Amino acid sequence: MSCFQIPMDICHQLDTLIANFWWGQKGEERKIHWLQWRKLCKPKEKGGLGFREISVFNKAMLAKQGWRLLQDDGSLLTQTLKAKYYPNGNFLTASIGYKPSFTWRSIVAGREIIQKGTRWLIGNGAKIRIWKDPWLPNFCDFRPVSSYGDWPDNMTVRDLFCEDQQTRNEEIITRIFTPEEANEILSIPLRNSVCEDRISWHYTAFGQYSVKSGYKLAP
């Protein structure tokens, strides 16, 4: 399950086996149908029992492979898949390709989770496109809702820095963004401007993907 996407029929069969064990008694005895399986799979804090839906759990595990493709450029797997499927891009923007392997199709099946939960941490700001990339921590999709208007659509976060590249240009920020967005941008802690921007997982304290957090975020 951590490497390949399990067919939905098999996932449903596994869910049925687990549900029957929970609802059932012995042999052919009449079973008590406590609640819908989907409700039992809700987190305990939302009234469920925290059971895992196999198909969703499968995707959350596959998303971890996708996370590794983003984080480890030096691995043989990353180099092989990158050379074949996204030589000029990255995993988040790669297409499924022509006649993809089962391995690649499986990993891509978990990509939606990664896309929903990743955002950029600002270093020198050179890689982060203001209007297209996720980088605002407390906003929907981590993107600004302001229209770029007369500003270039390819602006990067680096363009929001002063000439010394150590401080933010508050004048430009307040002109471009709404007050809420401007306050959020000005409150983001600055890292060393020599550091490159890097992708982080928003839903863990240490910024690394976990299957548990990915499962909660899965559609």
N, C-alpha and C. Protein backbone atom coordinates (compact mmCIF):
# COMPACT_ATOMS: atom_id res chain seq x y z
N MET A 1 0.81 -1.22 0.00
CA MET A 1 0.00 0.00 0.00
C MET A 1 0.84 1.26 0.00
N SER A 2 2.06 1.19 0.45
CA SER A 2 2.91 2.37 0.47
C SER A 2 3.59 2.61 -0.88
N CYS A 3 3.48 1.66 -1.80
CA CYS A 3 4.15 1.79 -3.09
C CYS A 3 3.19 1.74 -4.28
N PHE A 4 2.06 1.05 -4.15
CA PHE A 4 1.16 0.85 -5.28
C PHE A 4 -0.27 1.17 -4.88
N GLN A 5 -1.04 1.66 -5.84
CA GLN A 5 -2.44 1.95 -5.59
C GLN A 5 -3.26 0.67 -5.68
N ILE A 6 -3.93 0.35 -4.59
CA ILE A 6 -4.73 -0.86 -4.53
C ILE A 6 -6.04 -0.63 -5.28
N PRO A 7 -6.48 -1.56 -6.15
CA PRO A 7 -7.76 -1.40 -6.86
C PRO A 7 -8.91 -1.16 -5.89
N MET A 8 -9.86 -0.33 -6.32
CA MET A 8 -10.96 0.05 -5.44
C MET A 8 -11.78 -1.16 -4.99
N ASP A 9 -11.95 -2.14 -5.87
CA ASP A 9 -12.72 -3.33 -5.49
C ASP A 9 -12.10 -4.03 -4.29
N ILE A 10 -10.78 -4.15 -4.31
CA ILE A 10 -10.09 -4.79 -3.20
C ILE A 10 -10.21 -3.94 -1.94
N CYS A 11 -10.09 -2.62 -2.09
CA CYS A 11 -10.24 -1.73 -0.93
C CYS A 11 -11.63 -1.89 -0.30
N HIS A 12 -12.66 -1.96 -1.15
CA HIS A 12 -14.02 -2.13 -0.63
C HIS A 12 -14.17 -3.48 0.08
N GLN A 13 -13.55 -4.52 -0.47
CA GLN A 13 -13.61 -5.83 0.17
C GLN A 13 -12.94 -5.79 1.55
N LEU A 14 -11.82 -5.12 1.64
CA LEU A 14 -11.12 -5.02 2.92
C LEU A 14 -11.95 -4.21 3.92
N ASP A 15 -12.55 -3.11 3.43
CA ASP A 15 -13.43 -2.33 4.30
C ASP A 15 -14.59 -3.19 4.82
N THR A 16 -15.14 -4.03 3.93
CA THR A 16 -16.26 -4.89 4.32
C THR A 16 -15.84 -5.90 5.37
N LEU A 17 -14.67 -6.48 5.21
CA LEU A 17 -14.18 -7.44 6.20
C LEU A 17 -14.01 -6.79 7.57
N ILE A 18 -13.46 -5.58 7.58
CA ILE A 18 -13.26 -4.88 8.85
C ILE A 18 -14.61 -4.53 9.47
N ALA A 19 -15.54 -4.02 8.62
CA ALA A 19 -16.87 -3.65 9.13
C ALA A 19 -17.61 -4.86 9.67
N ASN A 20 -17.53 -5.99 8.96
CA ASN A 20 -18.22 -7.20 9.43
C ASN A 20 -17.65 -7.70 10.74
N PHE A 21 -16.36 -7.54 10.91
CA PHE A 21 -15.75 -7.94 12.18
C PHE A 21 -16.29 -7.06 13.31
N TRP A 22 -16.46 -5.77 13.03
CA TRP A 22 -16.95 -4.86 14.07
C TRP A 22 -18.43 -5.07 14.34
N TRP A 23 -19.20 -5.28 13.28
CA TRP A 23 -20.64 -5.42 13.44
C TRP A 23 -21.05 -6.84 13.83
N GLY A 24 -20.27 -7.83 13.42
CA GLY A 24 -20.71 -9.22 13.47
C GLY A 24 -20.56 -9.87 14.83
N GLN A 25 -21.07 -11.11 14.90
CA GLN A 25 -20.92 -11.93 16.10
C GLN A 25 -20.25 -13.25 15.69
N LYS A 26 -21.01 -14.31 15.52
CA LYS A 26 -20.42 -15.60 15.16
C LYS A 26 -21.16 -16.18 13.96
N GLY A 27 -20.40 -16.76 13.07
CA GLY A 27 -20.98 -17.50 11.95
C GLY A 27 -22.04 -16.70 11.22
N GLU A 28 -23.22 -17.30 11.13
CA GLU A 28 -24.31 -16.68 10.39
C GLU A 28 -25.29 -15.94 11.30
N GLU A 29 -24.89 -15.72 12.53
CA GLU A 29 -25.79 -15.01 13.43
C GLU A 29 -26.08 -13.61 12.92
N ARG A 30 -27.25 -13.13 13.30
CA ARG A 30 -27.67 -11.80 12.87
C ARG A 30 -26.69 -10.75 13.40
N LYS A 31 -26.32 -9.82 12.52
CA LYS A 31 -25.34 -8.78 12.88
C LYS A 31 -26.03 -7.47 13.22
N ILE A 32 -25.40 -6.73 14.09
CA ILE A 32 -25.92 -5.42 14.47
C ILE A 32 -25.20 -4.36 13.65
N HIS A 33 -25.95 -3.62 12.86
CA HIS A 33 -25.38 -2.57 12.02
C HIS A 33 -25.38 -1.28 12.84
N TRP A 34 -24.27 -1.01 13.53
CA TRP A 34 -24.23 0.10 14.48
C TRP A 34 -24.41 1.46 13.78
N LEU A 35 -23.56 1.74 12.82
CA LEU A 35 -23.56 3.01 12.10
C LEU A 35 -23.03 2.77 10.69
N GLN A 36 -23.21 3.73 9.80
CA GLN A 36 -22.59 3.64 8.49
C GLN A 36 -21.08 3.57 8.67
N TRP A 37 -20.45 2.80 7.80
CA TRP A 37 -19.00 2.64 7.89
C TRP A 37 -18.28 3.98 7.77
N ARG A 38 -18.77 4.84 6.89
CA ARG A 38 -18.13 6.15 6.70
C ARG A 38 -18.17 6.97 7.99
N LYS A 39 -19.26 6.83 8.76
CA LYS A 39 -19.35 7.56 10.02
C LYS A 39 -18.40 6.98 11.06
N LEU A 40 -18.25 5.66 11.04
CA LEU A 40 -17.30 5.04 11.97
C LEU A 40 -15.87 5.45 11.65
N CYS A 41 -15.62 5.82 10.40
CA CYS A 41 -14.27 6.20 9.98
C CYS A 41 -13.94 7.66 10.31
N LYS A 42 -14.92 8.41 10.80
CA LYS A 42 -14.64 9.79 11.19
C LYS A 42 -13.75 9.80 12.43
N PRO A 43 -12.95 10.86 12.60
CA PRO A 43 -12.12 10.97 13.81
C PRO A 43 -12.97 10.95 15.08
N LYS A 44 -12.40 10.53 16.16
CA LYS A 44 -13.14 10.42 17.41
C LYS A 44 -13.68 11.78 17.86
N GLU A 45 -12.90 12.84 17.61
CA GLU A 45 -13.35 14.16 18.02
C GLU A 45 -14.54 14.65 17.20
N LYS A 46 -14.84 13.95 16.09
CA LYS A 46 -16.00 14.31 15.26
C LYS A 46 -17.12 13.29 15.37
N GLY A 47 -17.07 12.42 16.38
CA GLY A 47 -18.15 11.49 16.62
C GLY A 47 -17.96 10.10 16.05
N GLY A 48 -16.83 9.84 15.39
CA GLY A 48 -16.57 8.52 14.84
C GLY A 48 -15.69 7.69 15.76
N LEU A 49 -15.17 6.60 15.21
CA LEU A 49 -14.28 5.74 16.00
C LEU A 49 -12.86 5.72 15.44
N GLY A 50 -12.62 6.53 14.42
CA GLY A 50 -11.25 6.68 13.92
C GLY A 50 -10.75 5.52 13.09
N PHE A 51 -11.65 4.68 12.54
CA PHE A 51 -11.21 3.62 11.64
C PHE A 51 -10.69 4.24 10.33
N ARG A 52 -9.86 3.52 9.64
CA ARG A 52 -9.27 4.01 8.41
C ARG A 52 -10.00 3.42 7.19
N GLU A 53 -10.40 4.30 6.27
CA GLU A 53 -10.87 3.82 4.99
C GLU A 53 -9.66 3.38 4.18
N ILE A 54 -9.66 2.17 3.69
CA ILE A 54 -8.48 1.60 3.06
C ILE A 54 -8.03 2.41 1.85
N SER A 55 -8.96 2.82 0.99
CA SER A 55 -8.57 3.55 -0.22
C SER A 55 -7.95 4.90 0.12
N VAL A 56 -8.49 5.59 1.12
CA VAL A 56 -7.95 6.89 1.52
C VAL A 56 -6.59 6.71 2.20
N PHE A 57 -6.49 5.69 3.04
CA PHE A 57 -5.22 5.41 3.71
C PHE A 57 -4.14 5.05 2.69
N ASN A 58 -4.53 4.32 1.65
CA ASN A 58 -3.62 3.97 0.56
C ASN A 58 -3.07 5.23 -0.10
N LYS A 59 -3.94 6.20 -0.39
CA LYS A 59 -3.50 7.45 -1.01
C LYS A 59 -2.58 8.25 -0.08
N ALA A 60 -2.89 8.24 1.21
CA ALA A 60 -2.05 8.96 2.16
C ALA A 60 -0.65 8.36 2.22
N MET A 61 -0.56 7.04 2.08
CA MET A 61 0.75 6.38 2.08
C MET A 61 1.50 6.66 0.76
N LEU A 62 0.76 6.67 -0.35
CA LEU A 62 1.38 6.98 -1.63
C LEU A 62 1.88 8.42 -1.67
N ALA A 63 1.16 9.31 -0.98
CA ALA A 63 1.59 10.71 -0.92
C ALA A 63 2.96 10.84 -0.27
N LYS A 64 3.28 9.91 0.63
CA LYS A 64 4.60 9.96 1.25
C LYS A 64 5.71 9.70 0.23
N GLN A 65 5.43 8.84 -0.75
CA GLN A 65 6.40 8.62 -1.81
C GLN A 65 6.57 9.89 -2.65
N GLY A 66 5.44 10.57 -2.91
CA GLY A 66 5.52 11.83 -3.63
C GLY A 66 6.31 12.88 -2.86
N TRP A 67 6.14 12.88 -1.54
CA TRP A 67 6.89 13.83 -0.71
C TRP A 67 8.39 13.56 -0.82
N ARG A 68 8.76 12.30 -0.88
CA ARG A 68 10.18 11.96 -1.01
C ARG A 68 10.74 12.43 -2.35
N LEU A 69 9.90 12.38 -3.39
CA LEU A 69 10.36 12.89 -4.69
C LEU A 69 10.65 14.38 -4.63
N LEU A 70 9.89 15.10 -3.81
CA LEU A 70 10.10 16.53 -3.67
C LEU A 70 11.33 16.85 -2.82
N GLN A 71 11.60 16.00 -1.84
CA GLN A 71 12.62 16.32 -0.85
C GLN A 71 14.00 15.74 -1.16
N ASP A 72 14.04 14.63 -1.86
CA ASP A 72 15.32 13.93 -2.07
C ASP A 72 15.66 13.87 -3.55
N ASP A 73 16.31 14.91 -4.04
CA ASP A 73 16.68 14.96 -5.46
C ASP A 73 17.75 13.94 -5.82
N GLY A 74 18.50 13.47 -4.83
CA GLY A 74 19.62 12.59 -5.12
C GLY A 74 19.30 11.12 -5.18
N SER A 75 18.07 10.73 -4.81
CA SER A 75 17.74 9.30 -4.80
C SER A 75 17.61 8.77 -6.22
N LEU A 76 17.87 7.49 -6.37
CA LEU A 76 17.79 6.86 -7.69
C LEU A 76 16.36 6.91 -8.21
N LEU A 77 15.37 6.70 -7.34
CA LEU A 77 13.97 6.75 -7.76
C LEU A 77 13.62 8.13 -8.30
N THR A 78 14.01 9.18 -7.56
CA THR A 78 13.70 10.54 -8.01
C THR A 78 14.35 10.83 -9.35
N GLN A 79 15.60 10.49 -9.49
CA GLN A 79 16.31 10.77 -10.74
C GLN A 79 15.69 10.03 -11.91
N THR A 80 15.27 8.78 -11.68
CA THR A 80 14.68 7.98 -12.76
C THR A 80 13.34 8.55 -13.19
N LEU A 81 12.45 8.81 -12.22
CA LEU A 81 11.13 9.33 -12.55
C LEU A 81 11.19 10.75 -13.12
N LYS A 82 12.10 11.55 -12.60
CA LYS A 82 12.25 12.91 -13.11
C LYS A 82 12.72 12.91 -14.56
N ALA A 83 13.67 12.04 -14.87
CA ALA A 83 14.18 11.98 -16.24
C ALA A 83 13.10 11.57 -17.22
N LYS A 84 12.17 10.74 -16.79
CA LYS A 84 11.15 10.24 -17.70
C LYS A 84 9.89 11.09 -17.74
N TYR A 85 9.45 11.59 -16.60
CA TYR A 85 8.13 12.22 -16.54
C TYR A 85 8.14 13.73 -16.34
N TYR A 86 9.16 14.29 -15.71
CA TYR A 86 9.16 15.74 -15.52
C TYR A 86 10.59 16.30 -15.54
N PRO A 87 11.28 16.16 -16.67
CA PRO A 87 12.69 16.61 -16.75
C PRO A 87 12.86 18.11 -16.54
N ASN A 88 11.82 18.90 -16.84
CA ASN A 88 11.96 20.36 -16.74
C ASN A 88 11.04 20.97 -15.67
N GLY A 89 10.52 20.14 -14.79
CA GLY A 89 9.62 20.65 -13.76
C GLY A 89 9.83 19.95 -12.45
N ASN A 90 8.76 19.77 -11.70
CA ASN A 90 8.84 19.04 -10.44
C ASN A 90 7.63 18.13 -10.30
N PHE A 91 7.61 17.36 -9.25
CA PHE A 91 6.56 16.37 -9.07
C PHE A 91 5.17 17.00 -8.99
N LEU A 92 5.06 18.17 -8.40
CA LEU A 92 3.76 18.79 -8.20
C LEU A 92 3.11 19.22 -9.51
N THR A 93 3.91 19.50 -10.52
CA THR A 93 3.37 19.99 -11.80
C THR A 93 3.50 18.97 -12.92
N ALA A 94 4.04 17.79 -12.64
CA ALA A 94 4.29 16.79 -13.69
C ALA A 94 2.99 16.22 -14.23
N SER A 95 2.97 15.91 -15.52
CA SER A 95 1.82 15.25 -16.12
C SER A 95 1.94 13.75 -15.93
N ILE A 96 0.85 13.05 -16.15
CA ILE A 96 0.87 11.61 -16.00
C ILE A 96 1.72 10.96 -17.09
N GLY A 97 1.81 11.63 -18.25
CA GLY A 97 2.67 11.13 -19.32
C GLY A 97 2.00 10.09 -20.20
N TYR A 98 2.72 9.67 -21.21
CA TYR A 98 2.22 8.69 -22.17
C TYR A 98 2.64 7.29 -21.74
N LYS A 99 1.67 6.40 -21.62
CA LYS A 99 1.89 5.03 -21.16
C LYS A 99 2.72 5.00 -19.87
N PRO A 100 2.21 5.62 -18.82
CA PRO A 100 2.96 5.65 -17.56
C PRO A 100 3.04 4.28 -16.91
N SER A 101 4.07 4.09 -16.14
CA SER A 101 4.22 2.83 -15.42
C SER A 101 3.22 2.78 -14.27
N PHE A 102 2.97 1.57 -13.78
CA PHE A 102 2.05 1.41 -12.66
C PHE A 102 2.59 2.12 -11.42
N THR A 103 3.90 2.10 -11.25
CA THR A 103 4.53 2.79 -10.11
C THR A 103 4.24 4.29 -10.16
N TRP A 104 4.45 4.90 -11.33
CA TRP A 104 4.24 6.34 -11.47
C TRP A 104 2.76 6.70 -11.29
N ARG A 105 1.87 5.93 -11.89
CA ARG A 105 0.45 6.20 -11.74
C ARG A 105 0.02 6.10 -10.28
N SER A 106 0.62 5.16 -9.57
CA SER A 106 0.28 5.00 -8.16
C SER A 106 0.72 6.20 -7.34
N ILE A 107 1.95 6.65 -7.56
CA ILE A 107 2.46 7.80 -6.80
C ILE A 107 1.65 9.05 -7.11
N VAL A 108 1.31 9.24 -8.38
CA VAL A 108 0.53 10.43 -8.77
C VAL A 108 -0.85 10.40 -8.12
N ALA A 109 -1.37 9.21 -7.82
CA ALA A 109 -2.69 9.10 -7.18
C ALA A 109 -2.71 9.79 -5.81
N GLY A 110 -1.57 9.90 -5.17
CA GLY A 110 -1.51 10.57 -3.87
C GLY A 110 -1.08 12.02 -3.94
N ARG A 111 -0.88 12.52 -5.15
CA ARG A 111 -0.33 13.87 -5.29
C ARG A 111 -1.29 14.96 -4.82
N GLU A 112 -2.58 14.75 -4.99
CA GLU A 112 -3.55 15.78 -4.59
C GLU A 112 -3.41 16.13 -3.11
N ILE A 113 -3.09 15.14 -2.30
CA ILE A 113 -2.89 15.40 -0.87
C ILE A 113 -1.69 16.31 -0.67
N ILE A 114 -0.60 16.02 -1.37
CA ILE A 114 0.60 16.85 -1.25
C ILE A 114 0.32 18.27 -1.72
N GLN A 115 -0.41 18.41 -2.81
CA GLN A 115 -0.72 19.74 -3.34
C GLN A 115 -1.55 20.56 -2.36
N LYS A 116 -2.41 19.90 -1.60
CA LYS A 116 -3.27 20.61 -0.64
C LYS A 116 -2.52 21.04 0.62
N GLY A 117 -1.45 20.32 0.96
CA GLY A 117 -0.83 20.56 2.26
C GLY A 117 0.55 21.18 2.24
N THR A 118 1.12 21.44 1.06
CA THR A 118 2.47 22.00 1.00
C THR A 118 2.43 23.50 0.77
N ARG A 119 3.41 24.18 1.31
CA ARG A 119 3.61 25.60 1.05
C ARG A 119 5.11 25.89 1.09
N TRP A 120 5.45 27.04 0.58
CA TRP A 120 6.86 27.43 0.54
C TRP A 120 7.27 28.15 1.82
N LEU A 121 8.49 27.85 2.29
CA LEU A 121 9.12 28.64 3.34
C LEU A 121 10.06 29.62 2.66
N ILE A 122 9.96 30.88 3.05
CA ILE A 122 10.71 31.92 2.36
C ILE A 122 12.16 31.94 2.80
N GLY A 123 13.06 31.88 1.82
CA GLY A 123 14.48 32.09 2.06
C GLY A 123 14.87 33.39 1.39
N ASN A 124 15.41 33.30 0.17
CA ASN A 124 15.70 34.52 -0.58
C ASN A 124 14.53 34.95 -1.46
N GLY A 125 13.48 34.14 -1.51
CA GLY A 125 12.27 34.51 -2.23
C GLY A 125 12.33 34.37 -3.73
N ALA A 126 13.45 33.89 -4.27
CA ALA A 126 13.63 33.88 -5.72
C ALA A 126 12.78 32.82 -6.43
N LYS A 127 12.46 31.73 -5.75
CA LYS A 127 11.71 30.64 -6.39
C LYS A 127 10.20 30.77 -6.27
N ILE A 128 9.74 31.61 -5.38
CA ILE A 128 8.32 31.65 -5.05
C ILE A 128 7.60 32.69 -5.90
N ARG A 129 6.70 32.23 -6.74
CA ARG A 129 5.88 33.13 -7.54
C ARG A 129 4.70 33.60 -6.69
N ILE A 130 4.58 34.90 -6.56
CA ILE A 130 3.61 35.47 -5.62
C ILE A 130 2.19 35.00 -5.90
N TRP A 131 1.78 34.98 -7.17
CA TRP A 131 0.39 34.74 -7.51
C TRP A 131 0.08 33.28 -7.79
N LYS A 132 1.09 32.46 -8.00
CA LYS A 132 0.86 31.08 -8.44
C LYS A 132 1.26 30.02 -7.43
N ASP A 133 2.15 30.36 -6.52
CA ASP A 133 2.67 29.36 -5.58
C ASP A 133 2.07 29.54 -4.19
N PRO A 134 1.94 28.46 -3.42
CA PRO A 134 1.42 28.55 -2.05
C PRO A 134 2.51 28.99 -1.08
N TRP A 135 2.28 30.11 -0.39
CA TRP A 135 3.32 30.60 0.53
C TRP A 135 2.78 31.39 1.72
N LEU A 136 1.47 31.72 1.71
CA LEU A 136 0.90 32.45 2.84
C LEU A 136 0.31 31.46 3.84
N PRO A 137 0.86 31.36 5.04
CA PRO A 137 0.51 30.27 5.97
C PRO A 137 -0.96 30.18 6.34
N ASN A 138 -1.63 31.30 6.56
CA ASN A 138 -2.96 31.26 7.15
C ASN A 138 -4.07 31.67 6.18
N PHE A 139 -3.84 31.42 4.88
CA PHE A 139 -4.85 31.76 3.89
C PHE A 139 -5.26 30.51 3.12
N CYS A 140 -6.47 30.55 2.55
CA CYS A 140 -6.98 29.42 1.78
C CYS A 140 -6.04 29.10 0.63
N ASP A 141 -5.65 27.84 0.51
CA ASP A 141 -4.72 27.38 -0.52
C ASP A 141 -3.34 28.01 -0.39
N PHE A 142 -3.12 28.75 0.70
CA PHE A 142 -1.83 29.41 0.96
C PHE A 142 -1.45 30.41 -0.12
N ARG A 143 -2.44 30.94 -0.81
CA ARG A 143 -2.20 31.90 -1.89
C ARG A 143 -2.96 33.19 -1.61
N PRO A 144 -2.43 34.33 -2.08
CA PRO A 144 -3.16 35.60 -1.92
C PRO A 144 -4.39 35.63 -2.82
N VAL A 145 -5.41 36.31 -2.37
CA VAL A 145 -6.62 36.45 -3.19
C VAL A 145 -6.60 37.76 -3.96
N SER A 146 -5.67 38.64 -3.65
CA SER A 146 -5.57 39.92 -4.35
C SER A 146 -5.23 39.70 -5.82
N SER A 147 -5.82 40.52 -6.68
CA SER A 147 -5.48 40.48 -8.09
C SER A 147 -4.17 41.23 -8.31
N TYR A 148 -3.34 40.72 -9.21
CA TYR A 148 -2.06 41.39 -9.42
C TYR A 148 -2.20 42.66 -10.25
N GLY A 149 -3.37 42.88 -10.87
CA GLY A 149 -3.63 44.13 -11.56
C GLY A 149 -2.55 44.53 -12.54
N ASP A 150 -1.94 45.69 -12.30
CA ASP A 150 -0.88 46.19 -13.19
C ASP A 150 0.49 45.64 -12.85
N TRP A 151 0.57 44.84 -11.80
CA TRP A 151 1.85 44.27 -11.41
C TRP A 151 2.16 43.05 -12.28
N PRO A 152 3.43 42.77 -12.55
CA PRO A 152 3.79 41.60 -13.38
C PRO A 152 3.28 40.30 -12.77
N ASP A 153 2.72 39.41 -13.59
CA ASP A 153 2.19 38.16 -13.05
C ASP A 153 3.28 37.17 -12.68
N ASN A 154 4.52 37.45 -13.06
CA ASN A 154 5.63 36.57 -12.72
C ASN A 154 6.47 37.11 -11.56
N MET A 155 5.92 38.02 -10.81
CA MET A 155 6.64 38.56 -9.65
C MET A 155 6.95 37.44 -8.66
N THR A 156 8.10 37.55 -8.03
CA THR A 156 8.48 36.60 -6.99
C THR A 156 8.49 37.31 -5.64
N VAL A 157 8.54 36.53 -4.59
CA VAL A 157 8.58 37.10 -3.24
C VAL A 157 9.83 37.95 -3.06
N ARG A 158 10.86 37.65 -3.79
CA ARG A 158 12.09 38.44 -3.70
C ARG A 158 11.83 39.90 -4.08
N ASP A 159 10.86 40.14 -4.96
CA ASP A 159 10.54 41.50 -5.37
C ASP A 159 9.90 42.30 -4.25
N LEU A 160 9.50 41.63 -3.17
CA LEU A 160 8.91 42.32 -2.03
C LEU A 160 9.95 42.75 -1.00
N PHE A 161 11.20 42.40 -1.26
CA PHE A 161 12.28 42.75 -0.33
C PHE A 161 12.89 44.10 -0.72
N CYS A 162 13.48 44.76 0.27
CA CYS A 162 14.25 45.98 0.00
C CYS A 162 15.55 45.60 -0.71
N GLU A 163 16.29 46.59 -1.13
CA GLU A 163 17.52 46.34 -1.89
C GLU A 163 18.55 45.55 -1.09
N ASP A 164 18.52 45.70 0.23
CA ASP A 164 19.50 44.96 1.04
C ASP A 164 19.15 43.47 1.17
N GLN A 165 17.96 43.08 0.68
CA GLN A 165 17.49 41.69 0.73
C GLN A 165 17.38 41.14 2.15
N GLN A 166 17.36 42.03 3.13
CA GLN A 166 17.26 41.61 4.53
C GLN A 166 15.93 42.01 5.17
N THR A 167 15.28 43.00 4.58
CA THR A 167 14.01 43.49 5.13
C THR A 167 12.97 43.57 4.02
N ARG A 168 11.71 43.60 4.42
CA ARG A 168 10.62 43.66 3.46
C ARG A 168 10.26 45.10 3.15
N ASN A 169 9.84 45.34 1.93
CA ASN A 169 9.45 46.67 1.50
C ASN A 169 7.97 46.87 1.84
N GLU A 170 7.71 47.49 2.97
CA GLU A 170 6.34 47.62 3.45
C GLU A 170 5.48 48.46 2.51
N GLU A 171 6.09 49.44 1.86
CA GLU A 171 5.33 50.30 0.96
C GLU A 171 4.74 49.50 -0.20
N ILE A 172 5.56 48.67 -0.83
CA ILE A 172 5.09 47.86 -1.95
C ILE A 172 4.06 46.84 -1.48
N ILE A 173 4.32 46.21 -0.34
CA ILE A 173 3.43 45.18 0.17
C ILE A 173 2.04 45.75 0.45
N THR A 174 1.97 46.91 1.08
CA THR A 174 0.67 47.50 1.39
C THR A 174 -0.05 48.01 0.14
N ARG A 175 0.69 48.30 -0.91
CA ARG A 175 0.07 48.75 -2.17
C ARG A 175 -0.50 47.57 -2.95
N ILE A 176 0.15 46.44 -2.88
CA ILE A 176 -0.26 45.29 -3.69
C ILE A 176 -1.38 44.50 -3.05
N PHE A 177 -1.29 44.27 -1.74
CA PHE A 177 -2.14 43.30 -1.07
C PHE A 177 -3.22 43.96 -0.21
N THR A 178 -4.23 43.17 0.13
CA THR A 178 -5.25 43.64 1.07
C THR A 178 -4.61 43.81 2.44
N PRO A 179 -5.24 44.58 3.34
CA PRO A 179 -4.66 44.76 4.68
C PRO A 179 -4.41 43.44 5.41
N GLU A 180 -5.34 42.48 5.27
CA GLU A 180 -5.16 41.19 5.94
C GLU A 180 -3.94 40.47 5.39
N GLU A 181 -3.81 40.46 4.07
CA GLU A 181 -2.66 39.78 3.44
C GLU A 181 -1.36 40.50 3.79
N ALA A 182 -1.38 41.82 3.77
CA ALA A 182 -0.17 42.58 4.09
C ALA A 182 0.29 42.29 5.51
N ASN A 183 -0.66 42.27 6.45
CA ASN A 183 -0.30 41.96 7.85
C ASN A 183 0.29 40.57 7.97
N GLU A 184 -0.29 39.62 7.23
CA GLU A 184 0.22 38.25 7.27
C GLU A 184 1.64 38.18 6.71
N ILE A 185 1.88 38.85 5.59
CA ILE A 185 3.20 38.83 4.96
C ILE A 185 4.24 39.47 5.87
N LEU A 186 3.88 40.58 6.47
CA LEU A 186 4.83 41.29 7.34
C LEU A 186 5.10 40.54 8.63
N SER A 187 4.23 39.59 8.98
CA SER A 187 4.43 38.83 10.23
C SER A 187 5.19 37.52 10.00
N ILE A 188 5.43 37.15 8.76
CA ILE A 188 6.15 35.91 8.47
C ILE A 188 7.61 36.07 8.90
N PRO A 189 8.12 35.20 9.75
CA PRO A 189 9.53 35.31 10.16
C PRO A 189 10.46 35.14 8.97
N LEU A 190 11.46 36.00 8.89
CA LEU A 190 12.42 35.92 7.80
C LEU A 190 13.56 34.98 8.17
N ARG A 191 13.88 34.08 7.24
CA ARG A 191 15.06 33.24 7.39
C ARG A 191 16.23 33.95 6.76
N ASN A 192 17.39 33.35 6.85
CA ASN A 192 18.59 33.91 6.23
C ASN A 192 18.35 34.06 4.73
N SER A 193 18.53 35.29 4.20
CA SER A 193 18.24 35.55 2.80
C SER A 193 19.20 34.82 1.86
N VAL A 194 20.28 34.26 2.41
CA VAL A 194 21.19 33.47 1.58
C VAL A 194 20.60 32.09 1.30
N CYS A 195 19.73 31.63 2.19
CA CYS A 195 19.11 30.32 2.03
C CYS A 195 18.14 30.33 0.85
N GLU A 196 18.02 29.20 0.21
CA GLU A 196 17.04 29.07 -0.85
C GLU A 196 15.66 28.79 -0.25
N ASP A 197 14.64 29.14 -1.00
CA ASP A 197 13.28 28.79 -0.59
C ASP A 197 13.13 27.27 -0.60
N ARG A 198 12.30 26.77 0.29
CA ARG A 198 12.09 25.32 0.31
C ARG A 198 10.63 25.00 0.60
N ILE A 199 10.21 23.85 0.16
CA ILE A 199 8.84 23.40 0.36
C ILE A 199 8.71 22.75 1.74
N SER A 200 7.61 23.07 2.41
CA SER A 200 7.36 22.53 3.75
C SER A 200 5.94 21.98 3.81
N TRP A 201 5.75 20.97 4.67
CA TRP A 201 4.41 20.43 4.91
C TRP A 201 3.79 21.23 6.03
N HIS A 202 2.63 21.83 5.76
CA HIS A 202 2.04 22.79 6.68
C HIS A 202 1.45 22.14 7.93
N TYR A 203 1.07 20.87 7.87
CA TYR A 203 0.24 20.28 8.90
C TYR A 203 1.02 19.45 9.93
N THR A 204 2.32 19.62 9.99
CA THR A 204 3.10 19.06 11.10
C THR A 204 4.03 20.15 11.61
N ALA A 205 4.37 20.06 12.87
CA ALA A 205 5.19 21.11 13.49
C ALA A 205 6.59 21.15 12.89
N PHE A 206 7.09 20.01 12.42
CA PHE A 206 8.46 19.95 11.91
C PHE A 206 8.54 20.11 10.40
N GLY A 207 7.40 20.31 9.73
CA GLY A 207 7.42 20.61 8.30
C GLY A 207 7.63 19.43 7.38
N GLN A 208 7.56 18.21 7.92
CA GLN A 208 7.72 17.00 7.11
C GLN A 208 6.40 16.25 7.04
N TYR A 209 6.13 15.68 5.89
CA TYR A 209 4.88 14.98 5.68
C TYR A 209 4.77 13.76 6.61
N SER A 210 3.57 13.54 7.11
CA SER A 210 3.27 12.32 7.86
C SER A 210 2.00 11.70 7.29
N VAL A 211 1.91 10.39 7.30
CA VAL A 211 0.73 9.71 6.78
C VAL A 211 -0.51 10.09 7.58
N LYS A 212 -0.35 10.25 8.88
CA LYS A 212 -1.49 10.62 9.74
C LYS A 212 -2.09 11.95 9.32
N SER A 213 -1.25 12.97 9.13
CA SER A 213 -1.76 14.28 8.74
C SER A 213 -2.27 14.26 7.31
N GLY A 214 -1.64 13.47 6.45
CA GLY A 214 -2.09 13.35 5.07
C GLY A 214 -3.46 12.70 4.98
N TYR A 215 -3.70 11.70 5.82
CA TYR A 215 -5.01 11.04 5.82
C TYR A 215 -6.11 12.02 6.21
N LYS A 216 -5.85 12.85 7.19
CA LYS A 216 -6.86 13.82 7.63
C LYS A 216 -7.17 14.85 6.55
N LEU A 217 -6.19 15.11 5.68
CA LEU A 217 -6.35 16.12 4.65
C LEU A 217 -6.92 15.54 3.36
N ALA A 218 -6.90 14.22 3.23
CA ALA A 218 -7.30 13.58 1.97
C ALA A 218 -8.74 13.90 1.63
N PRO A 219 -9.04 14.09 0.32
CA PRO A 219 -10.40 14.39 -0.11
C PRO A 219 -11.33 13.19 0.07
